[in-house]
Amino acid sequence: MVVIFDCRVREDEVPDGLKADMYRVAQEAMNNVVKHAVATEIRVTLQRNANDILLTIQDNGIGFEQLPLSADDASFSGLGLIGMQERVESNGGSFSLQSSQRSGTLVSATWRI
């Protein structure tokens, strides 16, 4: 598996309170790819614009049928996806997940800074 990391943010541009959350979201998303996606490539991108920091993790794997993320879905989707969403939103960020069978998965997290 190839991992491509594109970082367009200096460390001092990331608030200290977000660093651990960003790491954990990336870690969980990449772990899901390794365990489930049958992917050959993961692309991790960290970028900043004037008001936001955006973290994306995209794979070229088999994807999955997307379901709404809620605590009620935990038994089906696993706590990892819900945990990523809660971690991002607990710091005022927004979380999105896009996936479909055979087209890979894109995990995005955006925080206002």
N, C-alpha and C. Protein backbone atom coordinates (compact mmCIF):
# COMPACT_ATOMS: atom_id res chain seq x y z
N MET A 1 0.85 -1.17 0.00
CA MET A 1 0.00 0.00 0.00
C MET A 1 0.89 1.24 0.00
N VAL A 2 0.52 2.21 -0.80
CA VAL A 2 1.24 3.47 -0.89
C VAL A 2 0.49 4.50 -0.07
N VAL A 3 1.21 5.26 0.75
CA VAL A 3 0.63 6.36 1.50
C VAL A 3 1.27 7.65 1.01
N ILE A 4 0.43 8.58 0.57
CA ILE A 4 0.89 9.88 0.10
C ILE A 4 0.43 10.92 1.12
N PHE A 5 1.39 11.69 1.63
CA PHE A 5 1.09 12.71 2.63
C PHE A 5 1.41 14.07 2.04
N ASP A 6 0.41 14.93 1.98
CA ASP A 6 0.56 16.27 1.44
C ASP A 6 0.20 17.25 2.55
N CYS A 7 1.22 17.85 3.14
CA CYS A 7 1.03 18.77 4.27
C CYS A 7 1.34 20.18 3.82
N ARG A 8 0.34 21.03 3.87
CA ARG A 8 0.50 22.43 3.47
C ARG A 8 0.29 23.36 4.66
N VAL A 9 0.57 22.85 5.85
CA VAL A 9 0.36 23.59 7.09
C VAL A 9 1.63 23.47 7.93
N ARG A 10 2.08 24.59 8.47
CA ARG A 10 3.19 24.54 9.42
C ARG A 10 2.64 24.16 10.79
N GLU A 11 3.45 23.49 11.57
CA GLU A 11 2.99 23.03 12.88
C GLU A 11 2.49 24.18 13.74
N ASP A 12 3.13 25.33 13.68
CA ASP A 12 2.72 26.45 14.52
C ASP A 12 1.39 27.08 14.07
N GLU A 13 0.87 26.67 12.92
CA GLU A 13 -0.43 27.14 12.45
C GLU A 13 -1.59 26.30 13.01
N VAL A 14 -1.27 25.16 13.60
CA VAL A 14 -2.30 24.27 14.15
C VAL A 14 -2.43 24.52 15.64
N PRO A 15 -3.61 24.91 16.11
CA PRO A 15 -3.79 25.10 17.55
C PRO A 15 -3.46 23.82 18.32
N ASP A 16 -2.78 23.98 19.44
CA ASP A 16 -2.38 22.82 20.23
C ASP A 16 -3.56 21.92 20.58
N GLY A 17 -4.72 22.50 20.84
CA GLY A 17 -5.89 21.72 21.21
C GLY A 17 -6.43 20.82 20.11
N LEU A 18 -6.01 21.04 18.88
CA LEU A 18 -6.49 20.23 17.76
C LEU A 18 -5.52 19.13 17.35
N LYS A 19 -4.28 19.24 17.74
CA LYS A 19 -3.25 18.32 17.24
C LYS A 19 -3.56 16.86 17.56
N ALA A 20 -3.92 16.56 18.78
CA ALA A 20 -4.21 15.17 19.15
C ALA A 20 -5.45 14.66 18.42
N ASP A 21 -6.46 15.51 18.29
CA ASP A 21 -7.67 15.09 17.58
C ASP A 21 -7.38 14.82 16.11
N MET A 22 -6.60 15.66 15.49
CA MET A 22 -6.25 15.46 14.09
C MET A 22 -5.49 14.15 13.92
N TYR A 23 -4.57 13.89 14.81
CA TYR A 23 -3.80 12.64 14.76
C TYR A 23 -4.73 11.44 14.91
N ARG A 24 -5.62 11.47 15.88
CA ARG A 24 -6.51 10.33 16.14
C ARG A 24 -7.49 10.09 14.99
N VAL A 25 -7.99 11.14 14.38
CA VAL A 25 -8.88 10.98 13.23
C VAL A 25 -8.12 10.34 12.08
N ALA A 26 -6.94 10.85 11.78
CA ALA A 26 -6.13 10.26 10.70
C ALA A 26 -5.78 8.81 11.02
N GLN A 27 -5.41 8.54 12.26
CA GLN A 27 -5.05 7.19 12.67
C GLN A 27 -6.22 6.22 12.49
N GLU A 28 -7.39 6.61 12.94
CA GLU A 28 -8.56 5.73 12.84
C GLU A 28 -8.97 5.53 11.38
N ALA A 29 -8.96 6.60 10.60
CA ALA A 29 -9.33 6.48 9.18
C ALA A 29 -8.35 5.55 8.45
N MET A 30 -7.06 5.71 8.70
CA MET A 30 -6.07 4.86 8.04
C MET A 30 -6.19 3.42 8.52
N ASN A 31 -6.46 3.22 9.79
CA ASN A 31 -6.67 1.87 10.32
C ASN A 31 -7.86 1.20 9.63
N ASN A 32 -8.94 1.96 9.41
CA ASN A 32 -10.10 1.41 8.71
C ASN A 32 -9.75 1.02 7.28
N VAL A 33 -8.94 1.82 6.62
CA VAL A 33 -8.53 1.51 5.25
C VAL A 33 -7.76 0.19 5.23
N VAL A 34 -6.80 0.07 6.13
CA VAL A 34 -5.97 -1.15 6.17
C VAL A 34 -6.83 -2.38 6.46
N LYS A 35 -7.78 -2.26 7.38
CA LYS A 35 -8.58 -3.40 7.79
C LYS A 35 -9.68 -3.78 6.80
N HIS A 36 -10.26 -2.79 6.11
CA HIS A 36 -11.49 -3.06 5.38
C HIS A 36 -11.50 -2.70 3.90
N ALA A 37 -10.67 -1.79 3.46
CA ALA A 37 -10.87 -1.17 2.15
C ALA A 37 -10.28 -1.93 0.96
N VAL A 38 -9.35 -2.83 1.20
CA VAL A 38 -8.65 -3.51 0.11
C VAL A 38 -8.08 -2.45 -0.85
N ALA A 39 -7.50 -1.41 -0.28
CA ALA A 39 -6.97 -0.28 -1.06
C ALA A 39 -5.50 -0.50 -1.39
N THR A 40 -5.06 0.17 -2.42
CA THR A 40 -3.63 0.17 -2.77
C THR A 40 -3.01 1.53 -2.50
N GLU A 41 -3.85 2.54 -2.21
CA GLU A 41 -3.33 3.89 -1.97
C GLU A 41 -4.18 4.63 -0.95
N ILE A 42 -3.51 5.34 -0.07
CA ILE A 42 -4.15 6.26 0.88
C ILE A 42 -3.51 7.62 0.66
N ARG A 43 -4.34 8.64 0.53
CA ARG A 43 -3.83 10.00 0.38
C ARG A 43 -4.31 10.81 1.59
N VAL A 44 -3.36 11.32 2.37
CA VAL A 44 -3.65 12.14 3.54
C VAL A 44 -3.22 13.56 3.21
N THR A 45 -4.15 14.50 3.34
CA THR A 45 -3.86 15.90 3.02
C THR A 45 -4.25 16.77 4.20
N LEU A 46 -3.36 17.70 4.52
CA LEU A 46 -3.62 18.69 5.56
C LEU A 46 -3.36 20.05 4.94
N GLN A 47 -4.39 20.90 4.91
CA GLN A 47 -4.24 22.21 4.29
C GLN A 47 -4.96 23.27 5.10
N ARG A 48 -4.58 24.50 4.84
CA ARG A 48 -5.17 25.62 5.57
C ARG A 48 -5.55 26.70 4.60
N ASN A 49 -6.70 27.33 4.86
CA ASN A 49 -7.01 28.57 4.17
C ASN A 49 -7.13 29.65 5.24
N ALA A 50 -7.66 30.77 4.92
CA ALA A 50 -7.68 31.90 5.86
C ALA A 50 -8.34 31.56 7.19
N ASN A 51 -9.40 30.75 7.18
CA ASN A 51 -10.19 30.53 8.40
C ASN A 51 -10.29 29.09 8.86
N ASP A 52 -9.80 28.14 8.05
CA ASP A 52 -10.02 26.73 8.34
C ASP A 52 -8.76 25.90 8.16
N ILE A 53 -8.75 24.78 8.86
CA ILE A 53 -7.79 23.71 8.60
C ILE A 53 -8.60 22.51 8.16
N LEU A 54 -8.18 21.90 7.06
CA LEU A 54 -8.89 20.76 6.49
C LEU A 54 -7.98 19.55 6.46
N LEU A 55 -8.46 18.46 7.02
CA LEU A 55 -7.78 17.17 7.01
C LEU A 55 -8.63 16.22 6.17
N THR A 56 -8.01 15.59 5.17
CA THR A 56 -8.72 14.58 4.37
C THR A 56 -7.89 13.31 4.32
N ILE A 57 -8.60 12.20 4.34
CA ILE A 57 -7.99 10.88 4.17
C ILE A 57 -8.84 10.18 3.10
N GLN A 58 -8.22 9.89 1.98
CA GLN A 58 -8.93 9.29 0.85
C GLN A 58 -8.23 8.02 0.43
N ASP A 59 -9.02 6.99 0.13
CA ASP A 59 -8.44 5.73 -0.34
C ASP A 59 -9.08 5.34 -1.67
N ASN A 60 -8.44 4.41 -2.34
CA ASN A 60 -8.96 3.91 -3.61
C ASN A 60 -9.51 2.49 -3.46
N GLY A 61 -10.03 2.21 -2.28
CA GLY A 61 -10.51 0.86 -1.98
C GLY A 61 -11.92 0.59 -2.46
N ILE A 62 -12.50 -0.44 -1.89
CA ILE A 62 -13.80 -0.93 -2.34
C ILE A 62 -14.97 -0.11 -1.82
N GLY A 63 -14.74 0.76 -0.86
CA GLY A 63 -15.82 1.57 -0.32
C GLY A 63 -16.86 0.73 0.39
N PHE A 64 -17.96 1.38 0.74
CA PHE A 64 -19.05 0.69 1.41
C PHE A 64 -20.31 1.50 1.22
N GLU A 65 -21.43 0.86 1.47
CA GLU A 65 -22.70 1.57 1.40
C GLU A 65 -22.76 2.51 2.59
N GLN A 66 -22.94 3.77 2.30
CA GLN A 66 -22.90 4.78 3.35
C GLN A 66 -24.21 4.82 4.12
N LEU A 67 -24.07 4.86 5.43
CA LEU A 67 -25.21 4.97 6.31
C LEU A 67 -25.08 6.25 7.12
N PRO A 68 -26.18 6.82 7.59
CA PRO A 68 -26.07 7.97 8.48
C PRO A 68 -25.31 7.58 9.74
N LEU A 69 -24.48 8.49 10.22
CA LEU A 69 -23.72 8.22 11.44
C LEU A 69 -24.50 8.74 12.64
N SER A 70 -24.84 7.85 13.53
CA SER A 70 -25.48 8.22 14.79
C SER A 70 -25.16 7.15 15.81
N ALA A 71 -25.41 7.46 17.06
CA ALA A 71 -25.14 6.49 18.11
C ALA A 71 -25.97 5.23 17.91
N ASP A 72 -27.15 5.36 17.31
CA ASP A 72 -27.99 4.20 17.07
C ASP A 72 -27.37 3.24 16.06
N ASP A 73 -26.50 3.76 15.19
CA ASP A 73 -25.86 2.94 14.17
C ASP A 73 -24.56 2.30 14.66
N ALA A 74 -24.20 2.53 15.91
CA ALA A 74 -22.91 2.07 16.41
C ALA A 74 -22.73 0.56 16.28
N SER A 75 -23.80 -0.17 16.49
CA SER A 75 -23.65 -1.62 16.42
C SER A 75 -23.35 -2.09 15.01
N PHE A 76 -23.76 -1.31 14.00
CA PHE A 76 -23.49 -1.70 12.62
C PHE A 76 -22.17 -1.11 12.12
N SER A 77 -22.00 0.20 12.26
CA SER A 77 -20.86 0.88 11.65
C SER A 77 -19.62 0.86 12.52
N GLY A 78 -19.75 0.49 13.77
CA GLY A 78 -18.60 0.48 14.66
C GLY A 78 -18.41 1.84 15.29
N LEU A 79 -17.80 1.85 16.46
CA LEU A 79 -17.61 3.11 17.17
C LEU A 79 -16.52 3.97 16.55
N GLY A 80 -15.69 3.42 15.69
CA GLY A 80 -14.60 4.19 15.09
C GLY A 80 -15.10 5.37 14.29
N LEU A 81 -16.08 5.17 13.42
CA LEU A 81 -16.60 6.26 12.61
C LEU A 81 -17.30 7.30 13.47
N ILE A 82 -18.11 6.83 14.40
CA ILE A 82 -18.82 7.75 15.29
C ILE A 82 -17.82 8.48 16.19
N GLY A 83 -16.80 7.77 16.65
CA GLY A 83 -15.78 8.39 17.48
C GLY A 83 -15.04 9.50 16.74
N MET A 84 -14.74 9.28 15.46
CA MET A 84 -14.08 10.33 14.67
C MET A 84 -15.00 11.55 14.56
N GLN A 85 -16.26 11.32 14.26
CA GLN A 85 -17.21 12.43 14.14
C GLN A 85 -17.33 13.20 15.45
N GLU A 86 -17.48 12.49 16.55
CA GLU A 86 -17.62 13.15 17.85
C GLU A 86 -16.36 13.92 18.23
N ARG A 87 -15.20 13.36 17.92
CA ARG A 87 -13.94 14.01 18.23
C ARG A 87 -13.82 15.34 17.48
N VAL A 88 -14.16 15.33 16.22
CA VAL A 88 -14.09 16.54 15.39
C VAL A 88 -15.10 17.58 15.88
N GLU A 89 -16.33 17.15 16.07
CA GLU A 89 -17.38 18.08 16.45
C GLU A 89 -17.22 18.62 17.86
N SER A 90 -16.54 17.88 18.74
CA SER A 90 -16.34 18.36 20.11
C SER A 90 -15.43 19.59 20.16
N ASN A 91 -14.66 19.81 19.11
CA ASN A 91 -13.82 21.00 19.01
C ASN A 91 -14.37 21.99 18.00
N GLY A 92 -15.66 21.92 17.72
CA GLY A 92 -16.30 22.89 16.84
C GLY A 92 -16.10 22.63 15.36
N GLY A 93 -15.59 21.47 15.01
CA GLY A 93 -15.34 21.16 13.60
C GLY A 93 -16.52 20.48 12.94
N SER A 94 -16.36 20.24 11.66
CA SER A 94 -17.38 19.49 10.93
C SER A 94 -16.71 18.26 10.30
N PHE A 95 -17.47 17.19 10.24
CA PHE A 95 -16.97 15.89 9.79
C PHE A 95 -17.85 15.41 8.65
N SER A 96 -17.22 14.85 7.62
CA SER A 96 -18.02 14.24 6.56
C SER A 96 -17.34 12.96 6.10
N LEU A 97 -18.17 12.07 5.62
CA LEU A 97 -17.74 10.77 5.13
C LEU A 97 -18.46 10.51 3.82
N GLN A 98 -17.69 10.25 2.77
CA GLN A 98 -18.28 9.94 1.47
C GLN A 98 -17.72 8.61 1.02
N SER A 99 -18.60 7.69 0.69
CA SER A 99 -18.17 6.39 0.24
C SER A 99 -19.27 5.74 -0.57
N SER A 100 -18.86 4.93 -1.49
CA SER A 100 -19.80 4.07 -2.20
C SER A 100 -19.03 2.83 -2.61
N GLN A 101 -19.75 1.78 -2.79
CA GLN A 101 -19.10 0.51 -3.13
C GLN A 101 -18.28 0.68 -4.40
N ARG A 102 -17.05 0.16 -4.36
CA ARG A 102 -16.11 0.15 -5.47
C ARG A 102 -15.53 1.50 -5.84
N SER A 103 -15.78 2.56 -5.07
CA SER A 103 -15.22 3.86 -5.45
C SER A 103 -14.37 4.50 -4.36
N GLY A 104 -14.06 3.77 -3.31
CA GLY A 104 -13.22 4.31 -2.25
C GLY A 104 -13.99 5.16 -1.25
N THR A 105 -13.24 5.70 -0.31
CA THR A 105 -13.83 6.46 0.78
C THR A 105 -13.04 7.74 0.99
N LEU A 106 -13.74 8.82 1.31
CA LEU A 106 -13.13 10.10 1.63
C LEU A 106 -13.64 10.52 3.00
N VAL A 107 -12.71 10.69 3.94
CA VAL A 107 -13.02 11.21 5.28
C VAL A 107 -12.49 12.63 5.31
N SER A 108 -13.34 13.59 5.71
CA SER A 108 -12.95 14.99 5.77
C SER A 108 -13.30 15.56 7.14
N ALA A 109 -12.38 16.34 7.66
CA ALA A 109 -12.62 17.05 8.92
C ALA A 109 -12.13 18.48 8.75
N THR A 110 -12.98 19.43 9.12
CA THR A 110 -12.64 20.85 8.97
C THR A 110 -12.85 21.53 10.32
N TRP A 111 -11.86 22.33 10.70
CA TRP A 111 -11.95 23.11 11.93
C TRP A 111 -11.75 24.58 11.62
N ARG A 112 -12.56 25.45 12.23
CA ARG A 112 -12.36 26.90 12.14
C ARG A 112 -11.20 27.28 13.06
N ILE A 113 -10.35 28.14 12.58
CA ILE A 113 -9.23 28.61 13.42
C ILE A 113 -9.23 30.12 13.48
